[in-house]
Structures are given as structure tokens and as C-alpha cells.
């Protein structure tokens, strides 16, 4: 097949270079590939969390908007998640009710910082949303703009480090009625939502641009995300509680699975005067491009 007619998955990438290389060039490339590989050492199963600082945690709390209802209970979420992240020794930076320009201006300043002595980055966003779109106080933006500033060459000092994004926002208007589950003849209960190697030269390697990113949404695509006006959102309540209790010991994905389970099993909407909204459920969604395990071991003073 002519390479001009082949699709990407039909091409062996070696064919692009091998037929045209002189012996001198081949020798040079062979020397380079001893240092620059295509994957990290296989024994590195966890991210390095022994840098001087844990890293920056950005908390974006949007309560008031132009032409939309304010998000009562979000300040409670902000306080809870900030306390949890401070327990894990993050440098927490809070931004309330920012316009779109000010929001991305603040994120750009953080992306421009030197993160070389940081373990990772965390960004928590609490706002109104719809499918693939989030709201600043004055206008909307595409959700993927949040992490584009911190990927690849855009933020070199975070290369190879976990970049963790948590988004509390609706992703549509669908409601999840749930299904009845019976385990060992005991019905699953829900609660009223109103309650509750030394000497070696460092190895360089090439990684995909989107590697080391995790995004956890409070709900799955197209669906509503619930928030109590007094206690805050189901998702941030559960995330804050789990980070506080087990953030220093559990691996991150294990911890986030527990968060998903809490939201799925422990909460149900209570809107008795609206049958379409009453007794509804919610299921968080994790999109992980992490390549190693994430732990937050305590740092020595």
C-alpha cells in the first residue's frame, strides 16, 4: 500500500526514517536513544511525591453570576475542600466569582510559576455548567481550557507530575432515577440529601502530551449535579470527607472510587413537591490519564 493512502494505524513509524538515513545519522540516533527512550523505567510505579512542597491547589468558587441563580451552599463546599487540601499540605489559592478573563488570567499566572519543587497540581472548580461547558461569573468557557494551560510545553515544570482536576457542575439536564439493588437480601439504604537508582544519569523519555492528567466530574455526561443549599454539593462533601480521612494513606484512585461510592449510595434528592426531581441519584465520573499511582505521604516539617 502506498504510504500516502494509508491511515495512521496502518503505518509502522519506523518506515518514515529508516530508508533515508545515512550510516552516520543512524549512529547518532542510536546514541541518543540510549538516553532518550519512549517510556519511563518499569520500576517507577508511583509518582515522586518527595519534592520540597506538595504543590498548589487552586479552588475556583463561582457563586454569583450575571443572569443566573446564585449557587447557595458553594461557600460551604469551598471551606470544606480547602481544609481537606491544607491537611494534605497543599498551598491553597482561592478565587471567588471571577469573570472569564480574570479566571484564565489567574490560571495563566499559576501555569507560569516554577513548579519544579512541587509534587503535583490540583484544581477544583465549583460552578454552573452544561455539556462540555462551564460558567464564569460573566460568560462560558470550554471545560478543557482549564487543563490546556498546564499540559506539555505549556508548563514544563509540571511535566511527568500529576495534574488533578475536580469539577462540581452540571453536565446537562438529565436526571438519574437509579435502580433498585438488593445484596444478600438486604436493601441498600440511601439518606435524605438534606442530612448528610543511585549514581545513574537521569533518564529522559518521551511521554504523551495528555499523560499524567486526571479529571473527576461530579456527574456523568448529560446529567444534573446535585447541591444542597445548606450543606453544599454531594460530590464536594464526599471528596472533602474522604481526603480528610484517608488522603494521607490511600492511593488516589482507590480514594476517588470511595468518593464515587459515597455519592452513588449515600445520597438521594429530596424534592417532594416536584416528582420529576424527587428521589434522584448521581454518579461521578473519573477520566484518568495517570501513568502511576498517586499517594500523599506526610511531609516532614
Protein backbone atom coordinates (compact mmCIF):
# COMPACT_ATOMS: atom_id res chain seq x y z
CA UNK A 1 0.00 0.00 0.00
CA UNK A 2 1.23 3.49 -0.86
CA UNK A 3 2.01 5.36 2.37
CA UNK A 4 0.13 8.38 1.02
CA UNK A 5 -3.05 6.29 1.03
CA UNK A 6 -2.52 4.55 4.37
CA UNK A 7 -4.31 5.51 7.55
CA UNK A 8 -2.19 6.23 10.68
CA UNK A 9 -2.77 2.79 12.21
CA UNK A 10 -1.53 1.09 9.04
CA UNK A 11 1.86 2.79 9.17
CA UNK A 12 4.89 1.43 11.00
CA UNK A 13 6.54 4.64 12.19
CA UNK A 14 10.00 3.15 11.64
CA UNK A 15 9.42 3.24 7.88
CA UNK A 16 9.34 7.03 8.00
CA UNK A 17 13.03 7.30 8.89
CA UNK A 18 14.86 4.06 8.21
CA UNK A 19 15.09 4.08 4.39
CA UNK A 20 16.55 7.60 4.22
CA UNK A 21 19.19 7.57 6.98
CA UNK A 22 22.91 7.57 6.25
CA UNK A 23 25.19 5.39 8.44
CA UNK A 24 26.45 8.49 10.31
CA UNK A 25 22.93 9.62 11.13
CA UNK A 26 21.95 6.11 12.18
CA UNK A 27 24.91 6.03 14.57
CA UNK A 28 23.99 9.39 16.06
CA UNK A 29 20.36 8.39 16.61
CA UNK A 30 21.43 5.13 18.22
CA UNK A 31 23.49 7.12 20.72
CA UNK A 32 20.60 9.45 21.50
CA UNK A 33 18.10 6.66 22.06
CA UNK A 34 20.31 5.21 24.77
CA UNK A 35 19.45 8.33 26.77
CA UNK A 36 16.06 9.30 25.41
CA UNK A 37 13.65 6.38 25.47
CA UNK A 38 9.96 6.18 24.84
CA UNK A 39 8.87 5.11 28.31
CA UNK A 40 9.96 5.58 31.94
CA UNK A 41 11.72 2.82 33.85
CA UNK A 42 9.30 -0.02 34.57
CA UNK A 43 10.07 0.01 38.31
CA UNK A 44 8.62 3.52 38.73
CA UNK A 45 5.10 2.58 39.72
CA UNK A 46 4.34 5.64 41.84
CA UNK A 47 4.78 9.34 41.22
CA UNK A 48 7.61 11.08 43.04
CA UNK A 49 5.96 12.85 45.97
CA UNK A 50 9.17 13.77 47.79
CA UNK A 51 9.67 17.27 46.42
CA UNK A 52 10.13 20.16 48.81
CA UNK A 53 6.49 21.21 48.51
CA UNK A 54 3.25 19.38 47.82
CA UNK A 55 2.17 21.92 45.25
CA UNK A 56 -0.52 24.47 44.50
CA UNK A 57 -4.22 23.68 44.88
CA UNK A 58 -6.48 26.12 43.07
CA UNK A 59 -10.07 26.39 44.30
CA UNK A 60 -12.41 28.24 41.95
CA UNK A 61 -15.70 29.01 43.66
CA UNK A 62 -18.40 30.57 41.49
CA UNK A 63 -21.46 31.56 43.49
CA UNK A 64 -22.84 34.65 41.75
CA UNK A 65 -23.47 35.09 38.05
CA UNK A 66 -24.93 37.61 35.65
CA UNK A 67 -28.40 36.44 34.68
CA UNK A 68 -28.30 33.13 36.56
CA UNK A 69 -29.26 31.94 40.03
CA UNK A 70 -26.54 32.01 42.64
CA UNK A 71 -25.17 28.70 43.90
CA UNK A 72 -26.17 28.61 47.55
CA UNK A 73 -24.08 26.15 49.57
CA UNK A 74 -20.96 26.56 47.44
CA UNK A 75 -19.15 28.60 50.10
CA UNK A 76 -19.57 25.62 52.43
CA UNK A 77 -18.01 23.41 49.73
CA UNK A 78 -15.15 25.89 49.34
CA UNK A 79 -14.37 25.88 53.06
CA UNK A 80 -14.53 22.07 53.29
CA UNK A 81 -12.33 21.33 50.30
CA UNK A 82 -9.81 23.98 51.34
CA UNK A 83 -9.50 22.41 54.80
CA UNK A 84 -9.00 18.96 53.27
CA UNK A 85 -6.33 20.16 50.84
CA UNK A 86 -4.50 22.07 53.56
CA UNK A 87 -4.44 18.86 55.61
CA UNK A 88 -2.56 17.28 52.71
CA UNK A 89 -0.09 20.20 52.81
CA UNK A 90 -1.14 21.93 49.61
CA UNK A 91 -0.64 25.65 49.11
CA UNK A 92 -4.31 26.54 48.59
CA UNK A 93 -5.29 29.53 46.47
CA UNK A 94 -8.96 30.52 46.39
CA UNK A 95 -10.72 32.53 43.70
CA UNK A 96 -14.34 33.61 44.18
CA UNK A 97 -16.74 34.80 41.49
CA UNK A 98 -14.22 35.59 38.78
CA UNK A 99 -15.05 36.76 35.28
CA UNK A 100 -13.77 34.55 32.46
CA UNK A 101 -10.84 36.86 31.66
CA UNK A 102 -9.79 37.16 35.29
CA UNK A 103 -10.16 33.41 35.79
CA UNK A 104 -7.84 32.49 32.93
CA UNK A 105 -5.50 35.33 33.82
CA UNK A 106 -5.12 33.83 37.30
CA UNK A 107 -4.63 30.32 35.91
CA UNK A 108 -2.01 31.57 33.44
CA UNK A 109 -0.03 33.17 36.28
CA UNK A 110 -0.05 29.84 38.13
CA UNK A 111 0.98 27.95 34.97
CA UNK A 112 3.88 30.40 34.55
CA UNK A 113 5.22 29.64 38.04
CA UNK A 114 8.15 27.31 38.64
CA UNK A 115 6.68 24.01 39.85
CA UNK A 116 9.98 22.12 39.81
CA UNK A 117 9.93 21.68 43.61
CA UNK A 118 6.24 20.71 43.67
CA UNK A 119 4.79 17.19 43.70
CA UNK A 120 1.69 17.96 41.67
CA UNK A 121 -1.13 20.38 40.88
CA UNK A 122 -4.77 20.33 41.96
CA UNK A 123 -7.58 22.44 40.51
CA UNK A 124 -11.09 22.35 41.96
CA UNK A 125 -13.89 24.14 40.11
CA UNK A 126 -17.37 24.65 41.54
CA UNK A 127 -19.80 26.40 39.22
CA UNK A 128 -22.79 26.13 36.92
CA UNK A 129 -22.26 24.04 33.80
CA UNK A 130 -23.76 22.22 30.87
CA UNK A 131 -22.36 19.65 28.45
CA UNK A 132 -18.61 20.38 27.96
CA UNK A 133 -19.12 23.98 29.13
CA UNK A 134 -18.56 25.78 32.46
CA UNK A 135 -19.62 29.23 33.62
CA UNK A 136 -17.52 32.11 34.89
CA UNK A 137 -19.42 34.97 36.53
CA UNK A 138 -19.99 36.67 33.17
CA UNK A 139 -19.75 34.07 30.39
CA UNK A 140 -19.00 30.45 29.49
CA UNK A 141 -15.83 28.58 28.53
CA UNK A 142 -14.95 25.10 27.28
CA UNK A 143 -14.04 22.82 30.16
CA UNK A 144 -10.81 21.60 28.55
CA UNK A 145 -9.40 25.15 28.68
CA UNK A 146 -8.81 24.52 32.39
CA UNK A 147 -6.03 22.00 31.84
CA UNK A 148 -4.62 23.12 28.47
CA UNK A 149 -2.51 25.72 30.31
CA UNK A 150 -0.75 23.01 32.34
CA UNK A 151 -0.02 20.34 29.72
CA UNK A 152 3.22 19.59 27.86
CA UNK A 153 5.36 22.55 26.84
CA UNK A 154 2.78 24.99 28.20
CA UNK A 155 4.04 24.21 31.71
CA UNK A 156 7.39 22.37 31.54
CA UNK A 157 7.94 22.24 35.31
CA UNK A 158 4.82 20.05 35.68
CA UNK A 159 5.88 17.52 33.05
CA UNK A 160 5.66 13.99 34.44
CA UNK A 161 3.73 15.16 37.51
CA UNK A 162 0.07 14.52 38.39
CA UNK A 163 -2.36 17.25 37.38
CA UNK A 164 -5.65 16.64 39.15
CA UNK A 165 -8.89 18.42 38.27
CA UNK A 166 -12.16 18.12 40.18
CA UNK A 167 -15.28 19.68 38.69
CA UNK A 168 -18.51 20.23 40.56
CA UNK A 169 -21.01 21.33 37.93
CA UNK A 170 -24.00 20.11 35.98
CA UNK A 171 -23.20 18.47 32.63
CA UNK A 172 -26.74 18.56 31.30
CA UNK A 173 -30.34 18.41 32.44
CA UNK A 174 -31.00 14.67 32.62
CA UNK A 175 -31.93 13.11 35.96
CA UNK A 176 -30.82 9.68 37.16
CA UNK A 177 -33.72 7.78 38.67
CA UNK A 178 -31.45 4.96 39.81
CA UNK A 179 -32.24 1.25 40.01
CA UNK A 180 -33.18 -0.87 42.98
CA UNK A 181 -30.33 -3.06 44.24
CA UNK A 182 -30.61 -6.00 46.61
CA UNK A 183 -27.49 -7.53 48.16
CA UNK A 184 -27.70 -10.60 50.42
CA UNK A 185 -31.40 -9.91 50.93
CA UNK A 186 -30.67 -6.50 52.47
CA UNK A 187 -31.89 -3.44 50.62
CA UNK A 188 -29.27 -0.75 50.02
CA UNK A 189 -30.18 2.36 52.03
CA UNK A 190 -29.89 5.96 51.00
CA UNK A 191 -30.04 9.05 53.17
CA UNK A 192 -32.02 12.22 52.79
CA UNK A 193 -29.80 14.58 50.83
CA UNK A 194 -30.52 17.21 53.44
CA UNK A 195 -28.54 15.23 56.04
CA UNK A 196 -25.82 14.01 55.45
CA UNK A 197 18.81 4.24 41.30
CA UNK A 198 21.84 5.94 42.81
CA UNK A 199 24.76 7.22 40.71
CA UNK A 200 22.92 6.81 37.45
CA UNK A 201 22.45 9.62 34.97
CA UNK A 202 18.77 10.76 34.96
CA UNK A 203 16.84 9.04 32.20
CA UNK A 204 14.98 11.23 29.75
CA UNK A 205 11.95 9.88 28.00
CA UNK A 206 9.10 10.97 25.80
CA UNK A 207 5.54 10.92 27.13
CA UNK A 208 2.19 11.78 25.54
CA UNK A 209 1.04 15.37 25.97
CA UNK A 210 -2.09 14.29 27.84
CA UNK A 211 -0.24 11.96 30.23
CA UNK A 212 -0.47 12.46 33.99
CA UNK A 213 -3.87 14.17 33.89
CA UNK A 214 -6.92 13.19 35.89
CA UNK A 215 -10.33 14.82 35.67
CA UNK A 216 -13.12 13.85 38.04
CA UNK A 217 -16.56 15.20 37.28
CA UNK A 218 -19.29 15.32 39.90
CA UNK A 219 -21.68 13.64 37.46
CA UNK A 220 -21.54 11.87 34.12
CA UNK A 221 -22.13 13.46 30.76
CA UNK A 222 -25.52 14.98 30.11
CA UNK A 223 -26.69 14.77 33.71
CA UNK A 224 -27.60 17.03 36.60
CA UNK A 225 -25.30 17.52 39.60
CA UNK A 226 -26.98 17.97 42.98
CA UNK A 227 -26.17 20.59 45.59
CA UNK A 228 -27.78 21.23 48.96
CA UNK A 229 -28.19 24.97 49.71
CA UNK A 230 -27.04 24.46 53.30
CA UNK A 231 -24.55 21.59 53.28
CA UNK A 232 -23.09 22.01 49.81
CA UNK A 233 -22.85 19.57 46.92
CA UNK A 234 -22.95 15.81 47.36
CA UNK A 235 -19.70 15.43 45.42
CA UNK A 236 -17.58 18.02 47.23
CA UNK A 237 -18.93 16.90 50.60
CA UNK A 238 -17.82 13.34 49.85
CA UNK A 239 -14.49 14.34 48.30
CA UNK A 240 -13.60 16.62 51.22
CA UNK A 241 -14.52 14.00 53.79
CA UNK A 242 -12.51 11.26 52.08
CA UNK A 243 -9.43 13.46 51.57
CA UNK A 244 -9.54 14.48 55.23
CA UNK A 245 -9.90 10.92 56.49
CA UNK A 246 -7.72 8.92 54.11
CA UNK A 247 -5.80 11.30 51.85
CA UNK A 248 -2.53 10.57 53.60
CA UNK A 249 -2.80 6.79 53.32
CA UNK A 250 -4.95 5.62 50.39
CA UNK A 251 -3.85 5.60 46.76
CA UNK A 252 -5.72 8.32 44.88
CA UNK A 253 -7.82 6.20 42.52
CA UNK A 254 -8.83 3.97 45.42
CA UNK A 255 -9.82 7.05 47.35
CA UNK A 256 -11.80 8.51 44.47
CA UNK A 257 -13.61 5.22 43.97
CA UNK A 258 -14.77 5.56 47.56
CA UNK A 259 -15.97 9.07 46.80
CA UNK A 260 -17.96 7.75 43.85
CA UNK A 261 -19.46 5.04 46.01
CA UNK A 262 -20.50 7.52 48.70
CA UNK A 263 -22.21 9.80 46.21
CA UNK A 264 -23.89 6.87 44.45
CA UNK A 265 -25.17 5.09 47.56
CA UNK A 266 -25.46 7.65 50.36
CA UNK A 267 -27.40 10.42 48.63
CA UNK A 268 -30.80 10.85 47.04
CA UNK A 269 -32.62 14.03 46.14
CA UNK A 270 -35.47 15.20 48.36
CA UNK A 271 -37.87 17.37 46.38
CA UNK A 272 -41.29 16.03 47.41
CA UNK A 273 -43.21 18.81 45.67
CA UNK A 274 -41.60 18.00 42.29
CA UNK A 275 -42.00 14.40 41.16
CA UNK A 276 -39.58 14.87 38.26
CA UNK A 277 -36.75 15.85 40.63
CA UNK A 278 -37.57 13.81 43.72
CA UNK A 279 -35.64 10.67 44.75
CA UNK A 280 -32.97 11.09 42.07
CA UNK A 281 -29.42 9.76 42.16
CA UNK A 282 -26.00 10.93 40.95
CA UNK A 283 -22.91 9.12 39.62
CA UNK A 284 -19.49 10.84 39.48
CA UNK A 285 -17.21 10.17 36.53
CA UNK A 286 -13.41 9.74 36.58
CA UNK A 287 -11.32 10.28 33.45
CA UNK A 288 -7.78 9.17 34.27
CA UNK A 289 -4.68 9.53 32.13
CA UNK A 290 -2.40 8.93 35.09
CA UNK A 291 0.51 6.57 34.42
CA UNK A 292 1.48 5.79 38.03
CA UNK A 293 -0.06 5.53 41.45
CA UNK A 294 -0.60 8.73 43.46
CA UNK A 295 -0.05 8.92 47.21
CA UNK A 296 0.13 11.97 49.51
CA UNK A 297 2.57 10.89 52.25
CA UNK A 298 3.05 13.46 55.03
CA UNK A 299 5.99 15.79 54.52
CA UNK A 300 8.47 16.44 57.29
CA UNK A 301 8.49 19.99 58.64
